[in-house]
Amino acid sequence: MHDAEARPSQISAVYWIEAAAPGGLAPTPRAGYWRIHTTLDHVDKLWDTIKAATAEGKLGHKSKVSTAPLSDRTPDERVIHVRTYDSHDTADIERVRAALLELGMPDNMIYRTDQEDRQ
């Protein structure tokens, strides 16, 4: 199934479903992302909102949603990443955060850099 039509709550063959923004800035080696935790019951609706905003160029250069739990201890948990092109561009990071909040995302989002994930 193509990512544009995929429902995260009903996919298990791939770990992530992605949505890309049109054009925009390419990610640097210092890229990062806003991490949004959700549940299996809410992931489809949140993903529809984020996927549309990403495709409209309102968020980062790419977004992705997990289709599997993060651990066996939390089988209903899912996560959405809204990618930013450079973790040193604080204005862009805050612009994306404000856009996510305007879309109704929870205010407990966490920002992480790719470098933090590699450590």
Protein backbone atom coordinates (compact mmCIF):
# COMPACT_ATOMS: atom_id res chain seq x y z
CA MET A 1 0.00 0.00 0.00
CA HIS A 2 1.28 3.45 -0.84
CA ASP A 3 2.17 5.66 2.15
CA ALA A 4 -0.41 8.27 1.12
CA GLU A 5 -3.23 5.76 1.63
CA ALA A 6 -1.80 3.73 4.52
CA ARG A 7 -3.51 3.74 7.93
CA PRO A 8 -0.91 3.42 10.71
CA SER A 9 -3.25 1.44 12.93
CA GLN A 10 -3.69 -1.22 10.25
CA ILE A 11 -0.15 -1.65 8.88
CA SER A 12 2.41 -4.10 10.20
CA ALA A 13 4.56 -4.92 7.16
CA VAL A 14 6.66 -1.75 7.53
CA TYR A 15 7.73 0.10 10.66
CA TRP A 16 7.21 3.68 9.40
CA ILE A 17 4.82 5.48 7.05
CA GLU A 18 6.18 8.75 5.69
CA ALA A 19 4.90 12.02 4.22
CA ALA A 20 7.16 14.55 2.49
CA ALA A 21 6.86 18.29 2.09
CA PRO A 22 7.08 19.83 -1.36
CA GLY A 23 10.50 21.32 -2.10
CA GLY A 24 11.90 23.12 0.90
CA LEU A 25 15.24 22.83 2.61
CA ALA A 26 17.17 19.57 2.53
CA PRO A 27 18.12 18.19 5.94
CA THR A 28 21.61 18.89 7.24
CA PRO A 29 23.71 16.48 9.32
CA ARG A 30 22.27 18.36 12.34
CA ALA A 31 18.63 17.47 11.55
CA GLY A 32 16.15 16.74 14.31
CA TYR A 33 12.48 16.12 14.96
CA TRP A 34 9.49 16.79 17.15
CA ARG A 35 8.35 13.54 18.74
CA ILE A 36 4.64 13.14 19.44
CA HIS A 37 3.46 10.18 21.48
CA THR A 38 0.01 8.82 20.83
CA THR A 39 -1.97 5.60 21.08
CA LEU A 40 -3.32 3.09 18.61
CA ASP A 41 -6.81 4.56 19.11
CA HIS A 42 -5.72 8.08 18.11
CA VAL A 43 -2.83 7.55 15.70
CA ASP A 44 -4.87 7.54 12.47
CA LYS A 45 -6.56 10.87 13.16
CA LEU A 46 -3.34 12.56 14.31
CA TRP A 47 -1.46 11.15 11.33
CA ASP A 48 -4.09 12.43 8.88
CA THR A 49 -3.66 15.93 10.32
CA ILE A 50 0.14 15.85 10.30
CA LYS A 51 0.35 14.19 6.88
CA ALA A 52 -1.85 16.91 5.34
CA ALA A 53 0.08 19.75 7.02
CA THR A 54 3.39 18.23 5.90
CA ALA A 55 2.19 17.89 2.31
CA GLU A 56 1.05 21.54 2.41
CA GLY A 57 4.53 22.64 3.52
CA LYS A 58 3.36 23.87 6.94
CA LEU A 59 5.72 21.67 8.97
CA GLY A 60 9.19 20.24 8.44
CA HIS A 61 10.65 18.57 5.37
CA LYS A 62 9.23 15.16 6.29
CA SER A 63 7.01 13.45 8.85
CA LYS A 64 6.68 9.80 9.73
CA VAL A 65 4.54 7.62 11.97
CA SER A 66 5.35 4.30 13.60
CA THR A 67 3.14 1.37 12.79
CA ALA A 68 4.39 -0.77 15.67
CA PRO A 69 4.72 -0.22 19.40
CA LEU A 70 7.95 1.21 20.77
CA SER A 71 8.24 -1.67 23.22
CA ASP A 72 6.44 -4.78 24.41
CA ARG A 73 5.56 -2.92 27.61
CA THR A 74 3.44 -0.38 25.70
CA PRO A 75 1.68 -2.33 22.92
CA ASP A 76 -0.80 0.48 22.13
CA GLU A 77 1.76 3.30 21.99
CA ARG A 78 2.69 4.88 18.66
CA VAL A 79 4.95 7.82 17.83
CA ILE A 80 4.97 10.50 15.15
CA HIS A 81 8.14 12.33 14.12
CA VAL A 82 7.95 15.73 12.44
CA ARG A 83 11.39 16.28 10.98
CA THR A 84 13.19 19.64 10.92
CA TYR A 85 16.08 20.28 8.56
CA ASP A 86 18.57 21.66 11.13
CA SER A 87 18.53 21.51 14.92
CA HIS A 88 20.62 24.69 15.06
CA ASP A 89 17.85 26.72 13.38
CA THR A 90 15.89 27.52 16.52
CA ALA A 91 13.49 29.84 14.68
CA ASP A 92 12.45 27.00 12.35
CA ILE A 93 12.14 24.55 15.25
CA GLU A 94 9.84 26.96 17.08
CA ARG A 95 7.86 27.68 13.87
CA VAL A 96 7.19 23.95 13.47
CA ARG A 97 6.29 23.61 17.17
CA ALA A 98 3.82 26.50 16.92
CA ALA A 99 2.26 24.98 13.79
CA LEU A 100 1.89 21.62 15.56
CA LEU A 101 0.23 23.25 18.55
CA GLU A 102 -2.10 25.14 16.22
CA LEU A 103 -3.05 21.78 14.68
CA GLY A 104 -4.05 20.54 18.14
CA MET A 105 -1.02 18.43 18.98
CA PRO A 106 -0.26 17.93 22.68
CA ASP A 107 2.07 20.43 24.31
CA ASN A 108 4.23 17.64 25.78
CA MET A 109 6.07 17.06 22.49
CA ILE A 110 9.79 16.38 22.78
CA TYR A 111 12.43 17.75 20.42
CA ARG A 112 15.36 15.43 19.66
CA THR A 113 18.33 15.69 17.38
CA ASP A 114 19.52 12.87 15.16
CA GLN A 115 22.85 13.07 16.99
CA GLU A 116 21.13 12.31 20.31
CA ASP A 117 19.62 9.20 18.75
CA ARG A 118 23.05 7.97 17.64
CA GLN A 119 24.53 8.19 21.17
